[in-house]
Amino acid sequence: MAYVVTDACIKCKYTDCVEVCPVDCFYEGENMLVINPDECIDCGVCEPECPAEAIVSDSTSGVEKWLEINRTYSESWKNITKKKDALPDADAWKGKAGKEEFFSAASGA
């Protein structure tokens, strides 16, 4: 089992979760983060830290697509191990539904 970052992270990219992860399994894209499911130890400390409530267990119904996105992009995006500022308009995007269309496959900074 592992945790998965969903589309709720898109255009927010809060990194509170990164700061608490004991195994540094987060990877940074241009407008969201992902978790490498093979590195995640299923400890769950990241889930309550996410202001956008974008992190869920991979056993949650309907997250299969996001599990694959997390797996795929964690192989090519840069590992992130320290908290950074969220995207400038993160608070405006937090909680908005239907953000999947804004997903960017580009790597983060």
PDB file of N, CA and C in Angstrom:
ATOM      1  N   MET A   1       0.831  -1.183   0.000  1.00  0.00           N
ATOM      2  CA  MET A   1       0.000   0.000   0.000  1.00  0.00           C
ATOM      3  C   MET A   1       0.872   1.242   0.000  1.00  0.00           C
ATOM      4  N   ALA A   2       0.280   2.317  -0.460  1.00  0.00           N
ATOM      5  CA  ALA A   2       0.988   3.593  -0.534  1.00  0.00           C
ATOM      6  C   ALA A   2      -0.036   4.722  -0.518  1.00  0.00           C
ATOM      7  N   TYR A   3       0.464   5.917  -0.466  1.00  0.00           N
ATOM      8  CA  TYR A   3      -0.379   7.092  -0.589  1.00  0.00           C
ATOM      9  C   TYR A   3      -0.193   7.682  -1.977  1.00  0.00           C
ATOM     10  N   VAL A   4      -1.204   8.423  -2.429  1.00  0.00           N
ATOM     11  CA  VAL A   4      -1.259   8.940  -3.788  1.00  0.00           C
ATOM     12  C   VAL A   4      -1.651  10.418  -3.744  1.00  0.00           C
ATOM     13  N   VAL A   5      -1.015  11.214  -4.592  1.00  0.00           N
ATOM     14  CA  VAL A   5      -1.409  12.610  -4.741  1.00  0.00           C
ATOM     15  C   VAL A   5      -2.407  12.669  -5.892  1.00  0.00           C
ATOM     16  N   THR A   6      -3.534  13.316  -5.655  1.00  0.00           N
ATOM     17  CA  THR A   6      -4.600  13.397  -6.655  1.00  0.00           C
ATOM     18  C   THR A   6      -4.623  14.781  -7.315  1.00  0.00           C
ATOM     19  N   ASP A   7      -5.582  14.971  -8.198  1.00  0.00           N
ATOM     20  CA  ASP A   7      -5.706  16.236  -8.931  1.00  0.00           C
ATOM     21  C   ASP A   7      -6.003  17.438  -8.035  1.00  0.00           C
ATOM     22  N   ALA A   8      -6.364  17.208  -6.790  1.00  0.00           N
ATOM     23  CA  ALA A   8      -6.595  18.333  -5.875  1.00  0.00           C
ATOM     24  C   ALA A   8      -5.313  19.140  -5.644  1.00  0.00           C
ATOM     25  N   CYS A   9      -4.161  18.551  -5.945  1.00  0.00           N
ATOM     26  CA  CYS A   9      -2.870  19.234  -5.790  1.00  0.00           C
ATOM     27  C   CYS A   9      -2.576  20.178  -6.951  1.00  0.00           C
ATOM     28  N   ILE A  10      -3.156  19.919  -8.094  1.00  0.00           N
ATOM     29  CA  ILE A  10      -2.858  20.701  -9.293  1.00  0.00           C
ATOM     30  C   ILE A  10      -3.145  22.184  -9.063  1.00  0.00           C
ATOM     31  N   LYS A  11      -2.177  22.998  -9.447  1.00  0.00           N
ATOM     32  CA  LYS A  11      -2.212  24.460  -9.329  1.00  0.00           C
ATOM     33  C   LYS A  11      -2.134  24.959  -7.884  1.00  0.00           C
ATOM     34  N   CYS A  12      -1.869  24.053  -6.948  1.00  0.00           N
ATOM     35  CA  CYS A  12      -1.654  24.438  -5.554  1.00  0.00           C
ATOM     36  C   CYS A  12      -0.198  24.169  -5.183  1.00  0.00           C
ATOM     37  N   LYS A  13       0.160  22.892  -5.203  1.00  0.00           N
ATOM     38  CA  LYS A  13       1.514  22.418  -4.904  1.00  0.00           C
ATOM     39  C   LYS A  13       2.017  22.906  -3.553  1.00  0.00           C
ATOM     40  N   TYR A  14       1.174  22.712  -2.534  1.00  0.00           N
ATOM     41  CA  TYR A  14       1.636  22.946  -1.168  1.00  0.00           C
ATOM     42  C   TYR A  14       2.671  21.861  -0.873  1.00  0.00           C
ATOM     43  N   THR A  15       3.673  22.185  -0.115  1.00  0.00           N
ATOM     44  CA  THR A  15       4.715  21.190   0.156  1.00  0.00           C
ATOM     45  C   THR A  15       4.837  20.849   1.642  1.00  0.00           C
ATOM     46  N   ASP A  16       3.783  21.077   2.393  1.00  0.00           N
ATOM     47  CA  ASP A  16       3.779  20.730   3.816  1.00  0.00           C
ATOM     48  C   ASP A  16       4.043  19.228   3.989  1.00  0.00           C
ATOM     49  N   CYS A  17       3.546  18.432   3.061  1.00  0.00           N
ATOM     50  CA  CYS A  17       3.687  16.979   3.091  1.00  0.00           C
ATOM     51  C   CYS A  17       5.139  16.541   2.957  1.00  0.00           C
ATOM     52  N   VAL A  18       5.891  17.255   2.150  1.00  0.00           N
ATOM     53  CA  VAL A  18       7.291  16.930   1.891  1.00  0.00           C
ATOM     54  C   VAL A  18       8.095  17.007   3.174  1.00  0.00           C
ATOM     55  N   GLU A  19       7.803  18.014   3.958  1.00  0.00           N
ATOM     56  CA  GLU A  19       8.538  18.276   5.191  1.00  0.00           C
ATOM     57  C   GLU A  19       8.429  17.133   6.212  1.00  0.00           C
ATOM     58  N   VAL A  20       7.310  16.416   6.208  1.00  0.00           N
ATOM     59  CA  VAL A  20       7.100  15.370   7.215  1.00  0.00           C
ATOM     60  C   VAL A  20       7.410  13.960   6.715  1.00  0.00           C
ATOM     61  N   CYS A  21       7.641  13.793   5.426  1.00  0.00           N
ATOM     62  CA  CYS A  21       7.863  12.457   4.862  1.00  0.00           C
ATOM     63  C   CYS A  21       9.197  11.883   5.344  1.00  0.00           C
ATOM     64  N   PRO A  22       9.158  10.730   6.026  1.00  0.00           N
ATOM     65  CA  PRO A  22      10.400  10.159   6.556  1.00  0.00           C
ATOM     66  C   PRO A  22      11.267   9.462   5.498  1.00  0.00           C
ATOM     67  N   VAL A  23      10.719   9.218   4.315  1.00  0.00           N
ATOM     68  CA  VAL A  23      11.488   8.499   3.292  1.00  0.00           C
ATOM     69  C   VAL A  23      11.708   9.315   2.016  1.00  0.00           C
ATOM     70  N   ASP A  24      11.343  10.581   2.028  1.00  0.00           N
ATOM     71  CA  ASP A  24      11.581  11.477   0.889  1.00  0.00           C
ATOM     72  C   ASP A  24      11.081  10.900  -0.431  1.00  0.00           C
ATOM     73  N   CYS A  25       9.808  10.525  -0.470  1.00  0.00           N
ATOM     74  CA  CYS A  25       9.250   9.879  -1.671  1.00  0.00           C
ATOM     75  C   CYS A  25       8.406  10.813  -2.531  1.00  0.00           C
ATOM     76  N   PHE A  26       8.542  12.143  -2.331  1.00  0.00           N
ATOM     77  CA  PHE A  26       7.802  13.108  -3.140  1.00  0.00           C
ATOM     78  C   PHE A  26       8.653  13.603  -4.303  1.00  0.00           C
ATOM     79  N   TYR A  27       7.976  13.853  -5.425  1.00  0.00           N
ATOM     80  CA  TYR A  27       8.628  14.346  -6.635  1.00  0.00           C
ATOM     81  C   TYR A  27       7.839  15.535  -7.146  1.00  0.00           C
ATOM     82  N   GLU A  28       8.564  16.515  -7.711  1.00  0.00           N
ATOM     83  CA  GLU A  28       7.966  17.796  -8.042  1.00  0.00           C
ATOM     84  C   GLU A  28       7.771  18.011  -9.538  1.00  0.00           C
ATOM     85  N   GLY A  29       6.516  18.250  -9.894  1.00  0.00           N
ATOM     86  CA  GLY A  29       6.192  18.653 -11.243  1.00  0.00           C
ATOM     87  C   GLY A  29       5.986  20.150 -11.299  1.00  0.00           C
ATOM     88  N   GLU A  30       5.702  20.652 -12.476  1.00  0.00           N
ATOM     89  CA  GLU A  30       5.508  22.088 -12.655  1.00  0.00           C
ATOM     90  C   GLU A  30       4.378  22.629 -11.792  1.00  0.00           C
ATOM     91  N   ASN A  31       3.250  21.872 -11.693  1.00  0.00           N
ATOM     92  CA  ASN A  31       2.123  22.408 -10.935  1.00  0.00           C
ATOM     93  C   ASN A  31       1.495  21.429  -9.939  1.00  0.00           C
ATOM     94  N   MET A  32       2.221  20.364  -9.610  1.00  0.00           N
ATOM     95  CA  MET A  32       1.760  19.434  -8.567  1.00  0.00           C
ATOM     96  C   MET A  32       2.915  18.572  -8.099  1.00  0.00           C
ATOM     97  N   LEU A  33       2.672  17.814  -7.052  1.00  0.00           N
ATOM     98  CA  LEU A  33       3.630  16.836  -6.543  1.00  0.00           C
ATOM     99  C   LEU A  33       3.081  15.444  -6.797  1.00  0.00           C
ATOM    100  N   VAL A  34       3.955  14.446  -6.792  1.00  0.00           N
ATOM    101  CA  VAL A  34       3.534  13.048  -6.822  1.00  0.00           C
ATOM    102  C   VAL A  34       4.347  12.272  -5.794  1.00  0.00           C
ATOM    103  N   ILE A  35       3.854  11.095  -5.457  1.00  0.00           N
ATOM    104  CA  ILE A  35       4.533  10.192  -4.531  1.00  0.00           C
ATOM    105  C   ILE A  35       4.974   8.962  -5.311  1.00  0.00           C
ATOM    106  N   ASN A  36       6.202   8.528  -5.086  1.00  0.00           N
ATOM    107  CA  ASN A  36       6.644   7.271  -5.682  1.00  0.00           C
ATOM    108  C   ASN A  36       6.045   6.149  -4.832  1.00  0.00           C
ATOM    109  N   PRO A  37       5.094   5.378  -5.383  1.00  0.00           N
ATOM    110  CA  PRO A  37       4.422   4.357  -4.580  1.00  0.00           C
ATOM    111  C   PRO A  37       5.337   3.210  -4.161  1.00  0.00           C
ATOM    112  N   ASP A  38       6.446   3.032  -4.850  1.00  0.00           N
ATOM    113  CA  ASP A  38       7.390   1.976  -4.472  1.00  0.00           C
ATOM    114  C   ASP A  38       8.300   2.410  -3.324  1.00  0.00           C
ATOM    115  N   GLU A  39       8.402   3.708  -3.088  1.00  0.00           N
ATOM    116  CA  GLU A  39       9.211   4.225  -1.991  1.00  0.00           C
ATOM    117  C   GLU A  39       8.377   4.536  -0.755  1.00  0.00           C
ATOM    118  N   CYS A  40       7.090   4.811  -0.953  1.00  0.00           N
ATOM    119  CA  CYS A  40       6.190   5.153   0.148  1.00  0.00           C
ATOM    120  C   CYS A  40       6.064   3.970   1.104  1.00  0.00           C
ATOM    121  N   ILE A  41       6.187   4.247   2.395  1.00  0.00           N
ATOM    122  CA  ILE A  41       6.088   3.176   3.398  1.00  0.00           C
ATOM    123  C   ILE A  41       4.711   3.136   4.054  1.00  0.00           C
ATOM    124  N   ASP A  42       3.760   3.881   3.503  1.00  0.00           N
ATOM    125  CA  ASP A  42       2.378   3.854   3.976  1.00  0.00           C
ATOM    126  C   ASP A  42       2.245   4.292   5.438  1.00  0.00           C
ATOM    127  N   CYS A  43       3.074   5.236   5.851  1.00  0.00           N
ATOM    128  CA  CYS A  43       3.007   5.693   7.240  1.00  0.00           C
ATOM    129  C   CYS A  43       1.848   6.655   7.465  1.00  0.00           C
ATOM    130  N   GLY A  44       1.461   7.378   6.405  1.00  0.00           N
ATOM    131  CA  GLY A  44       0.305   8.260   6.488  1.00  0.00           C
ATOM    132  C   GLY A  44       0.542   9.625   7.086  1.00  0.00           C
ATOM    133  N   VAL A  45       1.769   9.975   7.447  1.00  0.00           N
ATOM    134  CA  VAL A  45       1.990  11.274   8.074  1.00  0.00           C
ATOM    135  C   VAL A  45       1.766  12.445   7.111  1.00  0.00           C
ATOM    136  N   CYS A  46       1.864  12.202   5.824  1.00  0.00           N
ATOM    137  CA  CYS A  46       1.682  13.275   4.841  1.00  0.00           C
ATOM    138  C   CYS A  46       0.214  13.658   4.651  1.00  0.00           C
ATOM    139  N   GLU A  47      -0.668  12.704   4.762  1.00  0.00           N
ATOM    140  CA  GLU A  47      -2.080  12.933   4.452  1.00  0.00           C
ATOM    141  C   GLU A  47      -2.695  14.108   5.226  1.00  0.00           C
ATOM    142  N   PRO A  48      -2.587  14.156   6.544  1.00  0.00           N
ATOM    143  CA  PRO A  48      -3.217  15.267   7.270  1.00  0.00           C
ATOM    144  C   PRO A  48      -2.494  16.602   7.093  1.00  0.00           C
ATOM    145  N   GLU A  49      -1.276  16.585   6.565  1.00  0.00           N
ATOM    146  CA  GLU A  49      -0.504  17.819   6.384  1.00  0.00           C
ATOM    147  C   GLU A  49      -0.902  18.592   5.135  1.00  0.00           C
ATOM    148  N   CYS A  50      -1.606  17.946   4.202  1.00  0.00           N
ATOM    149  CA  CYS A  50      -1.930  18.575   2.927  1.00  0.00           C
ATOM    150  C   CYS A  50      -3.118  19.530   3.072  1.00  0.00           C
ATOM    151  N   PRO A  51      -2.895  20.841   2.905  1.00  0.00           N
ATOM    152  CA  PRO A  51      -3.987  21.812   3.020  1.00  0.00           C
ATOM    153  C   PRO A  51      -5.073  21.619   1.958  1.00  0.00           C
ATOM    154  N   ALA A  52      -4.702  21.026   0.814  1.00  0.00           N
ATOM    155  CA  ALA A  52      -5.664  20.831  -0.279  1.00  0.00           C
ATOM    156  C   ALA A  52      -6.368  19.483  -0.196  1.00  0.00           C
ATOM    157  N   GLU A  53      -6.024  18.682   0.810  1.00  0.00           N
ATOM    158  CA  GLU A  53      -6.584  17.334   0.973  1.00  0.00           C
ATOM    159  C   GLU A  53      -6.419  16.512  -0.309  1.00  0.00           C
ATOM    160  N   ALA A  54      -5.222  16.621  -0.890  1.00  0.00           N
ATOM    161  CA  ALA A  54      -4.923  15.970  -2.169  1.00  0.00           C
ATOM    162  C   ALA A  54      -4.289  14.599  -2.021  1.00  0.00           C
ATOM    163  N   ILE A  55      -3.960  14.189  -0.801  1.00  0.00           N
ATOM    164  CA  ILE A  55      -3.278  12.913  -0.577  1.00  0.00           C
ATOM    165  C   ILE A  55      -4.249  11.914   0.021  1.00  0.00           C
ATOM    166  N   VAL A  56      -4.347  10.749  -0.641  1.00  0.00           N
ATOM    167  CA  VAL A  56      -5.240   9.683  -0.184  1.00  0.00           C
ATOM    168  C   VAL A  56      -4.518   8.346  -0.274  1.00  0.00           C
ATOM    169  N   SER A  57      -5.059   7.358   0.394  1.00  0.00           N
ATOM    170  CA  SER A  57      -4.525   6.000   0.315  1.00  0.00           C
ATOM    171  C   SER A  57      -4.790   5.422  -1.065  1.00  0.00           C
ATOM    172  N   ASP A  58      -3.889   4.599  -1.550  1.00  0.00           N
ATOM    173  CA  ASP A  58      -4.091   3.977  -2.864  1.00  0.00           C
ATOM    174  C   ASP A  58      -5.229   2.961  -2.852  1.00  0.00           C
ATOM    175  N   SER A  59      -5.766   2.674  -1.678  1.00  0.00           N
ATOM    176  CA  SER A  59      -6.920   1.776  -1.592  1.00  0.00           C
ATOM    177  C   SER A  59      -8.245   2.540  -1.704  1.00  0.00           C
ATOM    178  N   THR A  60      -8.177   3.849  -1.818  1.00  0.00           N
ATOM    179  CA  THR A  60      -9.367   4.680  -1.982  1.00  0.00           C
ATOM    180  C   THR A  60      -9.963   4.437  -3.357  1.00  0.00           C
ATOM    181  N   SER A  61     -11.247   4.262  -3.406  1.00  0.00           N
ATOM    182  CA  SER A  61     -11.932   4.006  -4.674  1.00  0.00           C
ATOM    183  C   SER A  61     -11.744   5.162  -5.650  1.00  0.00           C
ATOM    184  N   GLY A  62     -11.457   4.829  -6.896  1.00  0.00           N
ATOM    185  CA  GLY A  62     -11.366   5.824  -7.952  1.00  0.00           C
ATOM    186  C   GLY A  62     -10.020   6.506  -8.119  1.00  0.00           C
ATOM    187  N   VAL A  63      -8.983   6.071  -7.410  1.00  0.00           N
ATOM    188  CA  VAL A  63      -7.679   6.733  -7.546  1.00  0.00           C
ATOM    189  C   VAL A  63      -6.689   5.964  -8.413  1.00  0.00           C
ATOM    190  N   GLU A  64      -7.146   4.938  -9.082  1.00  0.00           N
ATOM    191  CA  GLU A  64      -6.240   4.111  -9.889  1.00  0.00           C
ATOM    192  C   GLU A  64      -5.477   4.942 -10.923  1.00  0.00           C
ATOM    193  N   LYS A  65      -6.169   5.850 -11.582  1.00  0.00           N
ATOM    194  CA  LYS A  65      -5.525   6.701 -12.586  1.00  0.00           C
ATOM    195  C   LYS A  65      -4.420   7.542 -11.946  1.00  0.00           C
ATOM    196  N   TRP A  66      -4.703   8.077 -10.768  1.00  0.00           N
ATOM    197  CA  TRP A  66      -3.718   8.920 -10.097  1.00  0.00           C
ATOM    198  C   TRP A  66      -2.555   8.107  -9.558  1.00  0.00           C
ATOM    199  N   LEU A  67      -2.801   6.865  -9.190  1.00  0.00           N
ATOM    200  CA  LEU A  67      -1.706   5.986  -8.776  1.00  0.00           C
ATOM    201  C   LEU A  67      -0.728   5.810  -9.937  1.00  0.00           C
ATOM    202  N   GLU A  68      -1.248   5.603 -11.132  1.00  0.00           N
ATOM    203  CA  GLU A  68      -0.382   5.444 -12.308  1.00  0.00           C
ATOM    204  C   GLU A  68       0.347   6.738 -12.643  1.00  0.00           C
ATOM    205  N   ILE A  69      -0.323   7.869 -12.509  1.00  0.00           N
ATOM    206  CA  ILE A  69       0.335   9.166 -12.745  1.00  0.00           C
ATOM    207  C   ILE A  69       1.452   9.366 -11.728  1.00  0.00           C
ATOM    208  N   ASN A  70       1.191   9.044 -10.464  1.00  0.00           N
ATOM    209  CA  ASN A  70       2.225   9.158  -9.433  1.00  0.00           C
ATOM    210  C   ASN A  70       3.414   8.258  -9.770  1.00  0.00           C
ATOM    211  N   ARG A  71       3.136   7.028 -10.149  1.00  0.00           N
ATOM    212  CA  ARG A  71       4.201   6.074 -10.477  1.00  0.00           C
ATOM    213  C   ARG A  71       5.022   6.579 -11.685  1.00  0.00           C
ATOM    214  N   THR A  72       4.336   6.971 -12.729  1.00  0.00           N
ATOM    215  CA  THR A  72       5.001   7.394 -13.961  1.00  0.00           C
ATOM    216  C   THR A  72       5.879   8.623 -13.755  1.00  0.00           C
ATOM    217  N   TYR A  73       5.331   9.669 -13.150  1.00  0.00           N
ATOM    218  CA  TYR A  73       6.071  10.925 -13.052  1.00  0.00           C
ATOM    219  C   TYR A  73       7.099  10.935 -11.927  1.00  0.00           C
ATOM    220  N   SER A  74       6.957  10.075 -10.945  1.00  0.00           N
ATOM    221  CA  SER A  74       7.992  10.000  -9.912  1.00  0.00           C
ATOM    222  C   SER A  74       9.278   9.411 -10.481  1.00  0.00           C
ATOM    223  N   GLU A  75       9.180   8.780 -11.635  1.00  0.00           N
ATOM    224  CA  GLU A  75      10.373   8.223 -12.287  1.00  0.00           C
ATOM    225  C   GLU A  75      11.145   9.271 -13.081  1.00  0.00           C
ATOM    226  N   SER A  76      10.505  10.404 -13.412  1.00  0.00           N
ATOM    227  CA  SER A  76      11.198  11.399 -14.235  1.00  0.00           C
ATOM    228  C   SER A  76      11.312  12.782 -13.591  1.00  0.00           C
ATOM    229  N   TRP A  77      10.458  13.087 -12.626  1.00  0.00           N
ATOM    230  CA  TRP A  77      10.545  14.382 -11.956  1.00  0.00           C
ATOM    231  C   TRP A  77      11.602  14.343 -10.861  1.00  0.00           C
ATOM    232  N   LYS A  78      12.073  15.527 -10.480  1.00  0.00           N
ATOM    233  CA  LYS A  78      13.105  15.653  -9.457  1.00  0.00           C
ATOM    234  C   LYS A  78      12.518  15.436  -8.058  1.00  0.00           C
ATOM    235  N   ASN A  79      13.267  14.725  -7.248  1.00  0.00           N
ATOM    236  CA  ASN A  79      12.888  14.489  -5.856  1.00  0.00           C
ATOM    237  C   ASN A  79      12.895  15.813  -5.095  1.00  0.00           C
ATOM    238  N   ILE A  80      11.889  16.001  -4.256  1.00  0.00           N
ATOM    239  CA  ILE A  80      11.809  17.201  -3.421  1.00  0.00           C
ATOM    240  C   ILE A  80      11.818  16.765  -1.964  1.00  0.00           C
ATOM    241  N   THR A  81      12.700  17.367  -1.167  1.00  0.00           N
ATOM    242  CA  THR A  81      12.863  16.949   0.225  1.00  0.00           C
ATOM    243  C   THR A  81      12.678  18.076   1.231  1.00  0.00           C
ATOM    244  N   LYS A  82      12.490  19.304   0.730  1.00  0.00           N
ATOM    245  CA  LYS A  82      12.310  20.445   1.629  1.00  0.00           C
ATOM    246  C   LYS A  82      11.080  21.244   1.232  1.00  0.00           C
ATOM    247  N   LYS A  83      10.448  21.803   2.232  1.00  0.00           N
ATOM    248  CA  LYS A  83       9.258  22.619   1.999  1.00  0.00           C
ATOM    249  C   LYS A  83       9.620  23.877   1.210  1.00  0.00           C
ATOM    250  N   LYS A  84       8.744  24.235   0.269  1.00  0.00           N
ATOM    251  CA  LYS A  84       8.874  25.453  -0.532  1.00  0.00           C
ATOM    252  C   LYS A  84       7.561  26.214  -0.433  1.00  0.00           C
ATOM    253  N   ASP A  85       7.564  27.408  -0.957  1.00  0.00           N
ATOM    254  CA  ASP A  85       6.314  28.156  -1.039  1.00  0.00           C
ATOM    255  C   ASP A  85       5.386  27.469  -2.036  1.00  0.00           C
ATOM    256  N   ALA A  86       4.102  27.514  -1.763  1.00  0.00           N
ATOM    257  CA  ALA A  86       3.104  26.988  -2.697  1.00  0.00           C
ATOM    258  C   ALA A  86       3.080  27.886  -3.931  1.00  0.00           C
ATOM    259  N   LEU A  87       2.375  27.447  -4.961  1.00  0.00           N
ATOM    260  CA  LEU A  87       2.233  28.275  -6.154  1.00  0.00           C
ATOM    261  C   LEU A  87       1.536  29.586  -5.773  1.00  0.00           C
ATOM    262  N   PRO A  88       1.827  30.670  -6.475  1.00  0.00           N
ATOM    263  CA  PRO A  88       1.304  31.990  -6.083  1.00  0.00           C
ATOM    264  C   PRO A  88      -0.220  32.067  -5.919  1.00  0.00           C
ATOM    265  N   ASP A  89      -0.962  31.363  -6.732  1.00  0.00           N
ATOM    266  CA  ASP A  89      -2.426  31.418  -6.627  1.00  0.00           C
ATOM    267  C   ASP A  89      -3.025  30.142  -6.029  1.00  0.00           C
ATOM    268  N   ALA A  90      -2.231  29.458  -5.225  1.00  0.00           N
ATOM    269  CA  ALA A  90      -2.655  28.184  -4.627  1.00  0.00           C
ATOM    270  C   ALA A  90      -3.950  28.312  -3.825  1.00  0.00           C
ATOM    271  N   ASP A  91      -4.047  29.339  -3.016  1.00  0.00           N
ATOM    272  CA  ASP A  91      -5.240  29.475  -2.178  1.00  0.00           C
ATOM    273  C   ASP A  91      -6.502  29.670  -3.012  1.00  0.00           C
ATOM    274  N   ALA A  92      -6.369  30.308  -4.161  1.00  0.00           N
ATOM    275  CA  ALA A  92      -7.526  30.505  -5.050  1.00  0.00           C
ATOM    276  C   ALA A  92      -7.958  29.193  -5.704  1.00  0.00           C
ATOM    277  N   TRP A  93      -7.008  28.282  -5.928  1.00  0.00           N
ATOM    278  CA  TRP A  93      -7.307  26.998  -6.570  1.00  0.00           C
ATOM    279  C   TRP A  93      -7.668  25.902  -5.571  1.00  0.00           C
ATOM    280  N   LYS A  94      -7.314  26.081  -4.325  1.00  0.00           N
ATOM    281  CA  LYS A  94      -7.573  25.070  -3.293  1.00  0.00           C
ATOM    282  C   LYS A  94      -9.071  24.770  -3.202  1.00  0.00           C
ATOM    283  N   GLY A  95      -9.405  23.489  -3.280  1.00  0.00           N
ATOM    284  CA  GLY A  95     -10.794  23.070  -3.143  1.00  0.00           C
ATOM    285  C   GLY A  95     -11.606  23.078  -4.424  1.00  0.00           C
ATOM    286  N   LYS A  96     -11.038  23.571  -5.510  1.00  0.00           N
ATOM    287  CA  LYS A  96     -11.772  23.582  -6.784  1.00  0.00           C
ATOM    288  C   LYS A  96     -11.782  22.184  -7.384  1.00  0.00           C
ATOM    289  N   ALA A  97     -12.912  21.807  -7.939  1.00  0.00           N
ATOM    290  CA  ALA A  97     -13.056  20.498  -8.583  1.00  0.00           C
ATOM    291  C   ALA A  97     -12.657  20.596 -10.055  1.00  0.00           C
ATOM    292  N   GLY A  98     -12.383  19.448 -10.661  1.00  0.00           N
ATOM    293  CA  GLY A  98     -12.124  19.389 -12.093  1.00  0.00           C
ATOM    294  C   GLY A  98     -10.806  19.993 -12.529  1.00  0.00           C
ATOM    295  N   LYS A  99      -9.778  19.865 -11.718  1.00  0.00           N
ATOM    296  CA  LYS A  99      -8.492  20.456 -12.072  1.00  0.00           C
ATOM    297  C   LYS A  99      -7.640  19.548 -12.955  1.00  0.00           C
ATOM    298  N   GLU A 100      -8.097  18.353 -13.219  1.00  0.00           N
ATOM    299  CA  GLU A 100      -7.321  17.400 -14.008  1.00  0.00           C
ATOM    300  C   GLU A 100      -6.894  17.980 -15.357  1.00  0.00           C
ATOM    301  N   GLU A 101      -7.727  18.793 -15.966  1.00  0.00           N
ATOM    302  CA  GLU A 101      -7.413  19.360 -17.276  1.00  0.00           C
ATOM    303  C   GLU A 101      -6.201  20.291 -17.237  1.00  0.00           C
ATOM    304  N   PHE A 102      -5.805  20.738 -16.057  1.00  0.00           N
ATOM    305  CA  PHE A 102      -4.669  21.639 -15.918  1.00  0.00           C
ATOM    306  C   PHE A 102      -3.369  20.912 -15.582  1.00  0.00           C
ATOM    307  N   PHE A 103      -3.407  19.590 -15.521  1.00  0.00           N
ATOM    308  CA  PHE A 103      -2.211  18.805 -15.217  1.00  0.00           C
ATOM    309  C   PHE A 103      -1.102  19.108 -16.221  1.00  0.00           C
ATOM    310  N   SER A 104       0.103  19.319 -15.715  1.00  0.00           N
ATOM    311  CA  SER A 104       1.273  19.533 -16.568  1.00  0.00           C
ATOM    312  C   SER A 104       2.258  18.403 -16.335  1.00  0.00           C
ATOM    313  N   ALA A 105       2.727  17.800 -17.412  1.00  0.00           N
ATOM    314  CA  ALA A 105       3.713  16.729 -17.323  1.00  0.00           C
ATOM    315  C   ALA A 105       5.125  17.265 -17.168  1.00  0.00           C
ATOM    316  N   ALA A 106       5.285  18.583 -17.227  1.00  0.00           N
ATOM    317  CA  ALA A 106       6.609  19.187 -17.101  1.00  0.00           C
ATOM    318  C   ALA A 106       7.151  19.030 -15.683  1.00  0.00           C
ATOM    319  N   SER A 107       8.443  18.869 -15.604  1.00  0.00           N
ATOM    320  CA  SER A 107       9.097  18.758 -14.308  1.00  0.00           C
ATOM    321  C   SER A 107       9.090  20.096 -13.589  1.00  0.00           C
ATOM    322  N   GLY A 108       9.195  20.047 -12.285  1.00  0.00           N
ATOM    323  CA  GLY A 108       9.208  21.272 -11.485  1.00  0.00           C
ATOM    324  C   GLY A 108      10.585  21.885 -11.425  1.00  0.00           C
ATOM    325  N   ALA A 109      10.678  22.949 -10.678  1.00  0.00           N
ATOM    326  CA  ALA A 109      11.926  23.709 -10.575  1.00  0.00           C
ATOM    327  C   ALA A 109      13.034  22.950  -9.891  1.00  0.00           C
TER     328      ALA A 109
END
